[in-house]
Amino acid sequence: MKAKEFFGKFASLYLWGNLLAMLIVIVLLGLGVKYGLDWYTHHGEGVKVPKVEGMDYARARSLIEDYGLNVMVSDSGYNKAMAANSILIQNPGAGTTVKMGHTIYVTVNSPSSPSFPIPDIVDNSSYREAEAKLMALGFKLTPPQEVPGEKDWVYGVLCRGRRVSAGDHVSIDSPLTLMIGSGEYDSDEELEYIEPEYRLMESGNVDDFEEVIE
């Protein structure tokens, strides 16, 4: 093939038409991928989460759905200063930008205070240990009541004047009083002294006695 014929092929309209068609296809594919992904992932399209904390759940749900978002109750809690079924916590928080259709998780205020079983602390722990266990559960404690016994040892638990035992369910709104030892004992708890009995040994000597053990 002569050089003139070789370079002449580059002047062919058929060749340039194919190259142009390939270029157009590549450009269209690139644009399709870019804008197709943007449309599929809602790129650049965001919704700011509304503030619903403190709001009644029914009203909060309606508001969240008006923004094109979903809502789900993830937990419940208790705050006596707030109305029952109101929103205690929301996640994500107010003002956070999320995609359309994102789920907002909320914690709803329980209509009644939760109750927990009394742990096994009676005659099993010191005052400090019992206090730490009860406060970790959310119980409120009144000043302890001293009773005769080992110093700072727990001998009982009172709830509104009534004695409660391990395993009893008590509301965290009900204050507890620990009965702890004062370090003193009742005078009535003195040991009774028993006079030992002796008998004369067979030797007959005055000093030969042995203690009788039954």
Protein backbone atom coordinates (compact mmCIF):
# COMPACT_ATOMS: atom_id res chain seq x y z
CA MET A 1 0.00 0.00 0.00
CA LYS A 2 1.35 3.35 -1.03
CA ALA A 3 1.53 6.24 1.44
CA LYS A 4 -0.95 8.21 -0.60
CA GLU A 5 -3.52 5.44 -0.37
CA PHE A 6 -2.88 5.01 3.39
CA PHE A 7 -3.41 8.68 4.23
CA GLY A 8 -6.29 8.80 1.85
CA LYS A 9 -8.26 6.46 4.10
CA PHE A 10 -8.23 9.14 6.83
CA ALA A 11 -10.14 11.41 4.52
CA SER A 12 -12.91 8.85 4.17
CA LEU A 13 -16.30 10.05 5.35
CA TYR A 14 -17.16 6.51 6.42
CA LEU A 15 -14.23 6.40 8.87
CA TRP A 16 -14.95 9.80 10.37
CA GLY A 17 -18.62 8.95 10.60
CA ASN A 18 -17.82 5.84 12.64
CA LEU A 19 -15.43 7.73 14.90
CA LEU A 20 -18.02 10.45 15.49
CA ALA A 21 -20.68 7.86 16.25
CA MET A 22 -18.37 6.16 18.77
CA LEU A 23 -17.59 9.49 20.41
CA ILE A 24 -21.29 10.32 20.73
CA VAL A 25 -21.99 6.92 22.28
CA ILE A 26 -19.18 7.36 24.83
CA VAL A 27 -20.41 10.85 25.79
CA LEU A 28 -23.98 9.63 26.13
CA LEU A 29 -22.90 6.67 28.28
CA GLY A 30 -20.91 8.99 30.54
CA LEU A 31 -23.81 11.39 30.95
CA GLY A 32 -26.23 8.53 31.51
CA VAL A 33 -24.09 7.01 34.27
CA LYS A 34 -23.58 10.37 35.99
CA TYR A 35 -27.17 11.56 35.98
CA GLY A 36 -28.57 8.08 36.43
CA LEU A 37 -26.62 7.57 39.64
CA ASP A 38 -27.56 11.04 40.86
CA TRP A 39 -31.22 10.25 40.27
CA TYR A 40 -30.98 6.81 41.89
CA THR A 41 -29.18 8.05 45.02
CA HIS A 42 -31.01 11.40 45.19
CA HIS A 43 -27.62 13.14 45.05
CA GLY A 44 -27.82 16.69 46.35
CA GLU A 45 -31.40 16.15 47.51
CA GLY A 46 -31.64 16.43 51.30
CA VAL A 47 -34.29 17.01 53.95
CA LYS A 48 -33.67 18.72 57.27
CA VAL A 49 -35.04 16.69 60.17
CA PRO A 50 -37.71 18.65 62.08
CA LYS A 51 -37.56 19.04 65.86
CA VAL A 52 -40.07 16.68 67.48
CA GLU A 53 -38.62 16.29 71.00
CA GLY A 54 -41.28 17.14 73.58
CA MET A 55 -44.04 16.74 70.98
CA ASP A 56 -46.89 14.24 71.24
CA TYR A 57 -46.05 11.07 69.27
CA ALA A 58 -49.08 11.25 66.96
CA ARG A 59 -48.34 14.85 66.03
CA ALA A 60 -44.61 14.13 65.66
CA ARG A 61 -45.28 11.21 63.34
CA SER A 62 -47.55 13.30 61.14
CA LEU A 63 -44.93 16.07 60.91
CA ILE A 64 -42.09 13.67 60.09
CA GLU A 65 -44.12 11.97 57.37
CA ASP A 66 -45.02 15.38 55.88
CA TYR A 67 -41.25 15.86 55.36
CA GLY A 68 -41.10 12.62 53.39
CA LEU A 69 -39.41 10.73 56.21
CA ASN A 70 -40.30 7.62 58.20
CA VAL A 71 -40.53 7.26 61.98
CA MET A 72 -39.97 4.28 64.26
CA VAL A 73 -40.19 3.93 68.06
CA SER A 74 -36.87 2.43 69.18
CA ASP A 75 -37.30 2.65 72.97
CA SER A 76 -39.37 4.02 75.83
CA GLY A 77 -38.35 5.96 78.91
CA TYR A 78 -39.88 7.89 81.75
CA ASN A 79 -39.77 11.57 82.64
CA LYS A 80 -42.50 12.63 85.05
CA ALA A 81 -42.03 16.27 84.00
CA MET A 82 -43.23 15.44 80.47
CA ALA A 83 -46.58 14.25 79.17
CA ALA A 84 -47.19 10.58 78.45
CA ASN A 85 -46.44 9.45 74.86
CA SER A 86 -44.33 12.51 74.16
CA ILE A 87 -40.98 12.26 72.37
CA LEU A 88 -38.00 12.13 74.76
CA ILE A 89 -35.18 11.62 72.24
CA GLN A 90 -34.93 11.66 68.45
CA ASN A 91 -32.18 10.29 66.24
CA PRO A 92 -30.95 11.89 63.98
CA GLY A 93 -31.34 15.16 65.83
CA ALA A 94 -33.25 18.22 64.67
CA GLY A 95 -31.60 20.10 61.80
CA THR A 96 -29.66 17.08 60.50
CA THR A 97 -29.81 16.75 56.70
CA VAL A 98 -30.86 13.29 55.55
CA LYS A 99 -32.14 11.71 52.34
CA MET A 100 -35.80 11.47 51.51
CA GLY A 101 -37.33 8.34 53.02
CA HIS A 102 -34.80 8.17 55.88
CA THR A 103 -36.09 6.69 59.17
CA ILE A 104 -36.15 8.83 62.33
CA TYR A 105 -35.86 6.78 65.54
CA VAL A 106 -37.62 8.15 68.62
CA THR A 107 -37.83 7.31 72.35
CA VAL A 108 -41.36 7.76 73.74
CA ASN A 109 -42.25 8.76 77.31
CA SER A 110 -43.99 5.96 79.20
CA PRO A 111 -47.35 6.79 80.86
CA SER A 112 -46.19 5.25 84.17
CA SER A 113 -42.91 5.01 86.01
CA PRO A 114 -41.00 1.75 85.50
CA SER A 115 -40.57 -0.73 88.33
CA PHE A 116 -37.57 -2.91 89.10
CA PRO A 117 -37.03 -5.88 91.40
CA ILE A 118 -35.22 -5.20 94.66
CA PRO A 119 -31.72 -6.74 94.42
CA ASP A 120 -30.45 -9.23 97.00
CA ILE A 121 -28.86 -6.76 99.41
CA VAL A 122 -30.46 -7.60 102.79
CA ASP A 123 -27.95 -9.26 105.13
CA ASN A 124 -25.72 -9.54 102.11
CA SER A 125 -23.99 -6.17 101.68
CA SER A 126 -22.81 -3.02 103.38
CA TYR A 127 -24.68 0.28 103.24
CA ARG A 128 -22.38 1.70 100.54
CA GLU A 129 -22.70 -1.38 98.36
CA ALA A 130 -26.50 -1.46 98.69
CA GLU A 131 -26.77 2.28 98.03
CA ALA A 132 -24.69 1.98 94.85
CA LYS A 133 -26.78 -0.94 93.51
CA LEU A 134 -30.12 0.76 94.17
CA MET A 135 -29.09 4.14 92.75
CA ALA A 136 -27.72 2.45 89.63
CA LEU A 137 -31.23 1.07 89.03
CA GLY A 138 -32.72 4.56 89.42
CA PHE A 139 -34.13 4.31 92.94
CA LYS A 140 -34.18 7.30 95.26
CA LEU A 141 -33.05 6.76 98.87
CA THR A 142 -34.07 8.51 102.07
CA PRO A 143 -31.69 8.76 105.05
CA PRO A 144 -31.02 5.26 106.45
CA GLN A 145 -32.74 3.98 109.55
CA GLU A 146 -30.38 2.58 112.21
CA VAL A 147 -31.17 -0.68 113.97
CA PRO A 148 -29.15 -2.72 116.48
CA GLY A 149 -26.50 -4.74 114.68
CA GLU A 150 -23.17 -4.66 112.92
CA LYS A 151 -22.12 -1.16 111.88
CA ASP A 152 -23.38 -0.15 108.38
CA TRP A 153 -24.62 -3.67 107.58
CA VAL A 154 -27.95 -3.83 105.73
CA TYR A 155 -30.68 -5.60 107.69
CA GLY A 156 -33.75 -4.58 105.69
CA VAL A 157 -35.34 -2.31 103.06
CA LEU A 158 -38.44 -0.17 103.66
CA CYS A 159 -40.74 1.28 101.00
CA ARG A 160 -43.26 3.80 102.33
CA GLY A 161 -42.99 2.18 105.74
CA ARG A 162 -43.50 -1.35 104.42
CA ARG A 163 -40.71 -3.89 104.45
CA VAL A 164 -39.82 -5.28 101.01
CA SER A 165 -37.75 -8.31 100.08
CA ALA A 166 -35.38 -9.24 97.26
CA GLY A 167 -37.30 -9.77 94.01
CA ASP A 168 -40.24 -7.49 94.92
CA HIS A 169 -41.02 -5.05 92.07
CA VAL A 170 -41.04 -1.43 93.24
CA SER A 171 -41.62 1.75 91.24
CA ILE A 172 -38.57 4.01 90.97
CA ASP A 173 -40.82 6.85 92.11
CA SER A 174 -41.18 5.18 95.50
CA PRO A 175 -38.28 6.18 97.80
CA LEU A 176 -36.51 3.42 99.70
CA THR A 177 -35.09 3.45 103.21
CA LEU A 178 -32.25 1.12 104.15
CA MET A 179 -32.20 -0.39 107.65
CA ILE A 180 -28.54 -0.49 108.67
CA GLY A 181 -26.70 -1.57 111.77
CA SER A 182 -25.80 1.08 114.31
CA GLY A 183 -22.85 -0.82 115.72
CA GLU A 184 -24.68 -1.40 119.02
CA TYR A 185 -26.62 -4.42 120.23
CA ASP A 186 -29.63 -4.79 122.51
CA SER A 187 -28.82 -5.43 126.16
CA ASP A 188 -31.29 -8.33 126.05
CA GLU A 189 -28.94 -10.21 123.77
CA GLU A 190 -26.56 -11.19 126.61
CA LEU A 191 -25.27 -14.73 126.68
CA GLU A 192 -26.78 -16.97 129.36
CA TYR A 193 -24.15 -18.36 131.77
CA ILE A 194 -24.62 -22.02 132.74
CA GLU A 195 -22.96 -23.20 135.94
CA PRO A 196 -20.98 -26.40 135.20
CA GLU A 197 -21.65 -29.57 137.26
CA TYR A 198 -18.90 -31.47 139.01
CA ARG A 199 -18.75 -34.89 140.68
CA LEU A 200 -16.34 -36.40 143.15
CA MET A 201 -13.86 -38.79 141.56
CA GLU A 202 -13.42 -42.30 142.93
CA SER A 203 -10.13 -41.40 144.63
CA GLY A 204 -12.16 -39.56 147.26
CA ASN A 205 -9.75 -36.67 147.57
CA VAL A 206 -11.30 -33.28 148.15
CA ASP A 207 -9.63 -31.75 145.11
CA ASP A 208 -10.43 -34.63 142.73
CA PHE A 209 -13.42 -33.39 140.79
CA GLU A 210 -14.25 -33.77 137.13
CA GLU A 211 -16.66 -31.72 135.04
CA VAL A 212 -19.80 -33.48 133.92
CA ILE A 213 -20.33 -33.06 130.15
CA GLU A 214 -23.62 -34.20 128.68
